[in-house]
Amino acid sequence: MAKRKTTIKTLAKKATQNGRSNGNGTPVRLAVQKTYKLYIGGAFPRTESGRYYKLKNNSNTLIANMCLGSRKDFRNSVVAARKAQGKWASRTAYNRSQILYRIAEMLEERRDQFIATLSDLGYTAKQAAREVDATVDRAVHYAGWADKYQQIYSAVNPVASAHFNFSVLEPMGVVAIFAPENHGLLGLASAIFPAICGGNAVVILASEKEATAAINFAEVLHTSDLPGGVVNILTGKRAELRDHFATHKDVNAFVYYGSNKADKKAIQTQAADNLKRPIFIDESDLFKNYHESPYRILATTETKTTWHPIASDMTGGGGAY
């Protein structure tokens, strides 16, 4: 009997250690750890390479294992972005505005979650709240610009002939972005919003050291009205992906947040191969109004000029052809 009691106690102890019981018969839940994946084409695939890196905070505490995105992941993202971009650009400006505002609503609803995510990364509660609030405000800001920038920056140009001459803005297409390394949520949003506001599709490499905020943000995009493929989010290392971002033939612009001179020089040289537009942005203070400028929208647009005749020399009339 004594031996049997010892066996029962041993089994109970093991059950407690395994999370099945707290020792008095009450079940104890096992914590479900989140698996952070990539966000490509409106889905959450694992990296095709099967590799990962350990994300730690300032105290060297392990937060999560993050996918180490590869060249193949990037190429898949560009295919998804190209497929989605045309339909996204054909949406009305008002509809893009509505979707950006819906993203702001969902960020606001999940405010506490994002504050907790940033706190895990080493932010104080005050810093985390400030970042989340600024991200929501930035979404609202670009939602407001989505149906206005075209009227402000397009033009009817004076010409010395019997023509109307119109200049209008069009999206560049697929925009590749290196997000700011600091401010993993606000930096990501500040890079994405102006590009999609103008009708582009985006492939963005998130901050390596604050990547959990990016994948949580991807879940907001996924459950909003934003079509899959318009935004694709990778995690990984800049050094490994820089050349692929800069040389891909189906990328129209490369937005680089940072100050590394070697990176900038390499991007400028490699981007010239297919006339890709390199755009370099200082990430020193993402809270400044400079990062809410409508010129951020213009940075990833092209100006299309159309000539339209207004009179016929044969008739001498004033009607349009």
Protein backbone atom coordinates (compact mmCIF):
# COMPACT_ATOMS: atom_id res chain seq x y z
CA MET A 1 0.00 0.00 0.00
CA ALA A 2 2.83 2.39 0.88
CA LYS A 3 4.45 1.70 -2.47
CA ARG A 4 1.17 2.37 -4.27
CA LYS A 5 0.73 5.74 -2.50
CA THR A 6 4.25 6.74 -3.53
CA THR A 7 3.49 5.88 -7.14
CA ILE A 8 0.29 7.96 -7.10
CA LYS A 9 2.16 10.95 -5.63
CA THR A 10 4.86 10.64 -8.30
CA LEU A 11 2.28 10.55 -11.09
CA ALA A 12 0.45 13.54 -9.60
CA LYS A 13 3.72 15.49 -9.47
CA LYS A 14 4.46 14.71 -13.11
CA ALA A 15 0.95 15.72 -14.11
CA THR A 16 1.42 19.02 -12.31
CA GLN A 17 4.71 19.62 -14.11
CA ASN A 18 3.08 18.87 -17.44
CA GLY A 19 0.29 21.36 -16.75
CA ARG A 20 -2.53 18.81 -16.41
CA SER A 21 -3.17 19.44 -12.70
CA ASN A 22 -2.21 21.92 -10.03
CA GLY A 23 -1.95 19.18 -7.39
CA ASN A 24 -5.49 19.40 -6.01
CA GLY A 25 -7.27 18.03 -9.05
CA THR A 26 -7.99 21.36 -10.73
CA PRO A 27 -6.98 21.35 -14.43
CA VAL A 28 -4.27 23.82 -15.42
CA ARG A 29 -4.12 25.16 -18.98
CA LEU A 30 -0.97 24.91 -21.00
CA ALA A 31 0.09 28.26 -22.44
CA VAL A 32 -0.32 28.31 -26.23
CA GLN A 33 2.75 29.97 -27.69
CA LYS A 34 2.19 31.96 -30.85
CA THR A 35 3.92 30.88 -34.06
CA TYR A 36 5.02 33.95 -36.00
CA LYS A 37 4.95 33.47 -39.77
CA LEU A 38 5.26 35.63 -42.86
CA TYR A 39 2.37 37.46 -44.52
CA ILE A 40 2.27 36.87 -48.27
CA GLY A 41 -0.68 37.17 -50.64
CA GLY A 42 -3.22 37.42 -47.83
CA ALA A 43 -1.98 34.22 -46.15
CA PHE A 44 0.45 33.34 -43.34
CA PRO A 45 2.97 30.86 -44.76
CA ARG A 46 6.12 29.66 -43.04
CA THR A 47 9.34 30.61 -44.76
CA GLU A 48 10.16 28.17 -47.53
CA SER A 49 13.70 27.85 -46.14
CA GLY A 50 12.50 26.56 -42.76
CA ARG A 51 14.99 28.88 -41.05
CA TYR A 52 14.36 31.19 -38.11
CA TYR A 53 16.14 33.61 -35.81
CA LYS A 54 15.71 34.21 -32.10
CA LEU A 55 14.11 37.54 -31.26
CA LYS A 56 15.23 38.89 -27.88
CA ASN A 57 14.49 42.12 -26.05
CA ASN A 58 16.95 44.53 -24.44
CA SER A 59 17.20 42.27 -21.40
CA ASN A 60 18.26 39.37 -23.63
CA THR A 61 15.00 37.58 -22.90
CA LEU A 62 13.74 35.35 -25.70
CA ILE A 63 10.44 36.69 -27.07
CA ALA A 64 9.83 34.49 -30.09
CA ASN A 65 11.35 32.57 -32.95
CA MET A 66 10.86 34.59 -36.14
CA CYS A 67 10.92 33.37 -39.73
CA LEU A 68 14.16 34.14 -41.56
CA GLY A 69 12.77 35.23 -44.91
CA SER A 70 14.60 34.08 -48.03
CA ARG A 71 15.00 35.16 -51.64
CA LYS A 72 12.22 32.74 -52.61
CA ASP A 73 9.88 34.29 -50.02
CA PHE A 74 10.62 37.70 -51.49
CA ARG A 75 10.00 36.53 -55.04
CA ASN A 76 6.68 34.98 -53.98
CA SER A 77 5.75 38.27 -52.35
CA VAL A 78 6.47 40.25 -55.52
CA VAL A 79 4.29 37.87 -57.55
CA ALA A 80 1.45 38.33 -55.05
CA ALA A 81 1.92 42.11 -55.03
CA ARG A 82 1.92 42.37 -58.81
CA LYS A 83 -1.24 40.29 -59.06
CA ALA A 84 -3.05 42.49 -56.52
CA GLN A 85 -1.76 45.92 -57.56
CA GLY A 86 -3.83 46.54 -60.68
CA LYS A 87 -7.16 45.85 -59.01
CA TRP A 88 -6.16 47.88 -55.96
CA ALA A 89 -5.18 50.86 -58.11
CA SER A 90 -8.51 50.64 -59.95
CA ARG A 91 -10.45 51.04 -56.71
CA THR A 92 -11.91 54.49 -56.23
CA ALA A 93 -9.87 56.84 -54.10
CA TYR A 94 -12.79 57.05 -51.71
CA ASN A 95 -12.82 53.27 -51.29
CA ARG A 96 -9.08 53.22 -50.50
CA SER A 97 -9.80 55.94 -47.96
CA GLN A 98 -12.50 53.82 -46.34
CA ILE A 99 -10.19 50.82 -46.08
CA LEU A 100 -7.39 52.84 -44.50
CA TYR A 101 -9.87 54.21 -41.99
CA ARG A 102 -11.06 50.67 -41.25
CA ILE A 103 -7.46 49.73 -40.46
CA ALA A 104 -7.35 52.63 -38.00
CA GLU A 105 -10.55 51.38 -36.35
CA MET A 106 -9.12 47.90 -35.92
CA LEU A 107 -5.84 49.19 -34.52
CA GLU A 108 -7.83 51.21 -32.01
CA GLU A 109 -9.83 48.13 -31.01
CA ARG A 110 -6.65 46.12 -30.45
CA ARG A 111 -4.80 48.95 -28.70
CA ASP A 112 -4.16 46.97 -25.51
CA GLN A 113 -2.77 44.03 -27.46
CA PHE A 114 -0.26 46.20 -29.30
CA ILE A 115 0.76 47.96 -26.09
CA ALA A 116 1.46 44.52 -24.58
CA THR A 117 3.44 43.48 -27.67
CA LEU A 118 5.61 46.59 -27.55
CA SER A 119 6.05 46.23 -23.79
CA ASP A 120 7.46 42.73 -24.36
CA LEU A 121 9.96 44.32 -26.73
CA GLY A 122 11.23 46.63 -23.99
CA TYR A 123 8.99 49.69 -24.29
CA THR A 124 7.66 51.35 -21.17
CA ALA A 125 3.88 51.49 -20.90
CA LYS A 126 3.95 55.20 -21.75
CA GLN A 127 6.20 54.68 -24.79
CA ALA A 128 4.07 51.80 -26.05
CA ALA A 129 0.82 53.76 -25.70
CA ARG A 130 2.34 56.72 -27.52
CA GLU A 131 3.47 54.52 -30.40
CA VAL A 132 0.13 52.76 -30.81
CA ASP A 133 -1.81 56.02 -30.68
CA ALA A 134 0.50 57.61 -33.25
CA THR A 135 0.02 54.60 -35.54
CA VAL A 136 -3.76 54.93 -35.34
CA ASP A 137 -3.52 58.66 -36.05
CA ARG A 138 -1.26 58.02 -39.04
CA ALA A 139 -3.79 55.61 -40.54
CA VAL A 140 -6.51 58.23 -40.15
CA HIS A 141 -4.21 60.86 -41.65
CA TYR A 142 -3.58 58.92 -44.86
CA ALA A 143 -7.21 57.84 -45.04
CA GLY A 144 -7.98 61.53 -45.27
CA TRP A 145 -5.43 62.12 -48.03
CA ALA A 146 -6.44 59.14 -50.18
CA ASP A 147 -9.19 60.99 -52.06
CA LYS A 148 -7.59 64.43 -51.99
CA TYR A 149 -3.95 64.27 -53.10
CA GLN A 150 -4.90 63.70 -56.75
CA GLN A 151 -6.91 66.93 -56.94
CA ILE A 152 -4.17 68.94 -55.24
CA TYR A 153 -1.16 67.67 -57.17
CA SER A 154 -2.67 67.04 -60.60
CA ALA A 155 -2.88 69.96 -63.02
CA VAL A 156 -4.21 71.35 -66.28
CA ASN A 157 -1.11 72.81 -67.92
CA PRO A 158 -1.06 75.88 -70.21
CA VAL A 159 0.24 75.09 -73.72
CA ALA A 160 0.65 77.18 -76.86
CA SER A 161 -1.49 75.00 -79.10
CA ALA A 162 -5.09 73.84 -79.53
CA HIS A 163 -4.85 71.20 -76.82
CA PHE A 164 -5.75 70.47 -73.26
CA ASN A 165 -2.71 69.24 -71.37
CA PHE A 166 -3.42 67.21 -68.23
CA SER A 167 -0.93 65.93 -65.63
CA VAL A 168 -2.27 63.25 -63.29
CA LEU A 169 -0.64 60.93 -60.76
CA GLU A 170 -0.47 57.17 -61.16
CA PRO A 171 0.97 54.52 -58.81
CA MET A 172 4.40 53.16 -59.67
CA GLY A 173 3.30 49.55 -59.13
CA VAL A 174 5.18 47.26 -56.75
CA VAL A 175 7.12 49.03 -54.01
CA ALA A 176 9.76 47.17 -51.97
CA ILE A 177 10.51 48.66 -48.55
CA PHE A 178 13.01 48.24 -45.74
CA ALA A 179 11.00 49.37 -42.72
CA PRO A 180 12.64 51.44 -39.98
CA GLU A 181 14.57 49.34 -37.49
CA ASN A 182 13.27 51.44 -34.59
CA HIS A 183 9.58 51.82 -33.74
CA GLY A 184 8.53 48.43 -35.09
CA LEU A 185 4.84 49.35 -35.33
CA LEU A 186 4.82 53.06 -36.15
CA GLY A 187 7.75 52.68 -38.56
CA LEU A 188 6.05 49.85 -40.42
CA ALA A 189 2.78 51.76 -40.72
CA SER A 190 4.52 54.99 -41.76
CA ALA A 191 6.16 53.13 -44.63
CA ILE A 192 3.08 51.20 -45.78
CA PHE A 193 0.26 53.76 -45.58
CA PRO A 194 1.50 56.38 -48.10
CA ALA A 195 2.45 53.71 -50.64
CA ILE A 196 -0.91 51.93 -50.61
CA CYS A 197 -2.75 55.25 -50.34
CA GLY A 198 -1.42 56.03 -53.82
CA GLY A 199 -2.52 52.68 -55.27
CA ASN A 200 0.72 50.72 -55.00
CA ALA A 201 1.22 47.20 -53.66
CA VAL A 202 3.96 46.68 -51.08
CA VAL A 203 6.55 44.10 -50.10
CA ILE A 204 8.11 45.19 -46.82
CA LEU A 205 10.87 43.78 -44.64
CA ALA A 206 9.92 44.44 -41.02
CA SER A 207 12.26 45.62 -38.28
CA GLU A 208 14.49 42.69 -37.38
CA LYS A 209 14.54 43.51 -33.67
CA GLU A 210 10.83 44.37 -33.31
CA ALA A 211 9.30 41.90 -35.75
CA THR A 212 6.48 40.64 -33.52
CA ALA A 213 4.73 44.01 -33.85
CA ALA A 214 4.80 43.62 -37.64
CA ILE A 215 3.15 40.20 -37.73
CA ASN A 216 0.48 41.34 -35.25
CA PHE A 217 -0.09 44.27 -37.60
CA ALA A 218 -0.42 41.80 -40.48
CA GLU A 219 -3.33 40.18 -38.62
CA VAL A 220 -5.08 43.56 -38.58
CA LEU A 221 -4.58 43.91 -42.34
CA HIS A 222 -5.76 40.36 -42.91
CA THR A 223 -9.07 40.92 -41.13
CA SER A 224 -9.67 44.37 -42.62
CA ASP A 225 -11.07 45.03 -46.10
CA LEU A 226 -7.59 45.29 -47.64
CA PRO A 227 -7.29 42.78 -50.53
CA GLY A 228 -4.71 40.04 -50.08
CA GLY A 229 -1.39 40.78 -51.76
CA VAL A 230 -1.60 44.57 -51.49
CA VAL A 231 0.68 44.38 -48.44
CA ASN A 232 3.17 41.55 -47.96
CA ILE A 233 5.30 41.45 -44.80
CA LEU A 234 8.57 39.56 -44.45
CA THR A 235 10.81 39.11 -41.43
CA GLY A 236 14.52 38.48 -41.63
CA LYS A 237 17.84 40.22 -42.13
CA ARG A 238 18.59 43.24 -44.28
CA ALA A 239 22.06 42.02 -45.23
CA GLU A 240 20.62 38.86 -46.75
CA LEU A 241 17.76 40.45 -48.67
CA ARG A 242 19.08 43.87 -49.71
CA ASP A 243 20.50 42.83 -53.09
CA HIS A 244 17.35 40.87 -53.97
CA PHE A 245 15.14 43.87 -53.19
CA ALA A 246 17.35 46.17 -55.25
CA THR A 247 17.78 43.96 -58.33
CA HIS A 248 14.36 42.35 -58.82
CA LYS A 249 13.13 43.30 -62.28
CA ASP A 250 9.46 43.51 -61.33
CA VAL A 251 9.92 45.98 -58.47
CA ASN A 252 9.33 49.60 -59.45
CA ALA A 253 10.64 51.42 -56.38
CA PHE A 254 12.75 50.64 -53.32
CA VAL A 255 12.08 52.69 -50.19
CA TYR A 256 14.94 52.45 -47.71
CA TYR A 257 14.62 53.72 -44.14
CA GLY A 258 18.05 54.10 -42.58
CA SER A 259 21.42 55.78 -42.80
CA ASN A 260 23.86 53.02 -43.79
CA LYS A 261 26.00 54.57 -46.53
CA ALA A 262 27.10 51.24 -47.97
CA ASP A 263 23.50 50.12 -48.30
CA LYS A 264 22.50 53.35 -50.03
CA LYS A 265 25.35 53.19 -52.52
CA ALA A 266 24.63 49.55 -53.39
CA ILE A 267 20.90 50.21 -53.80
CA GLN A 268 21.48 53.20 -56.09
CA THR A 269 23.82 51.16 -58.31
CA GLN A 270 21.69 48.03 -58.47
CA ALA A 271 18.37 49.82 -58.88
CA ALA A 272 19.62 51.53 -62.05
CA ASP A 273 19.54 48.22 -63.90
CA ASN A 274 15.78 48.40 -64.43
CA LEU A 275 15.33 52.11 -63.65
CA LYS A 276 13.91 51.28 -60.24
CA ARG A 277 13.37 54.42 -58.17
CA PRO A 278 15.48 54.43 -54.97
CA ILE A 279 13.96 56.47 -52.14
CA PHE A 280 15.94 57.12 -48.96
CA ILE A 281 14.15 58.33 -45.83
CA ASP A 282 15.57 59.38 -42.49
CA GLU A 283 14.05 57.38 -39.64
CA SER A 284 15.40 59.57 -36.84
CA ASP A 285 12.07 60.77 -35.43
CA LEU A 286 9.00 59.00 -36.77
CA PHE A 287 6.67 61.09 -34.61
CA LYS A 288 7.36 64.27 -36.58
CA ASN A 289 4.79 65.62 -39.01
CA TYR A 290 7.39 65.17 -41.73
CA HIS A 291 6.36 61.52 -41.85
CA GLU A 292 2.72 62.48 -42.51
CA SER A 293 3.46 64.66 -45.50
CA PRO A 294 1.45 64.06 -48.68
CA TYR A 295 4.80 64.18 -50.47
CA ARG A 296 5.31 60.67 -49.09
CA ILE A 297 2.45 59.60 -51.34
CA LEU A 298 3.99 61.40 -54.30
CA ALA A 299 7.33 59.64 -53.72
CA THR A 300 5.89 56.38 -55.07
CA THR A 301 3.76 57.83 -57.88
CA GLU A 302 4.52 58.85 -61.45
CA THR A 303 3.16 61.84 -63.35
CA LYS A 304 1.28 60.98 -66.51
CA THR A 305 0.73 63.82 -68.99
CA THR A 306 -1.99 63.59 -71.63
CA TRP A 307 -2.46 65.86 -74.64
CA HIS A 308 -6.02 66.23 -75.97
CA PRO A 309 -6.88 68.30 -79.05
CA ILE A 310 -9.70 70.79 -78.65
CA ALA A 311 -10.27 72.18 -82.17
CA SER A 312 -9.97 71.13 -85.81
CA ASP A 313 -8.13 73.30 -88.32
CA MET A 314 -10.42 71.86 -91.01
CA THR A 315 -13.60 73.15 -89.44
CA GLY A 316 -12.18 76.09 -87.55
CA GLY A 317 -14.64 75.27 -84.83
CA GLY A 318 -14.15 75.16 -81.15
CA GLY A 319 -15.44 71.66 -80.48
CA ALA A 320 -13.38 68.72 -79.29
CA TYR A 321 -12.46 65.95 -81.67
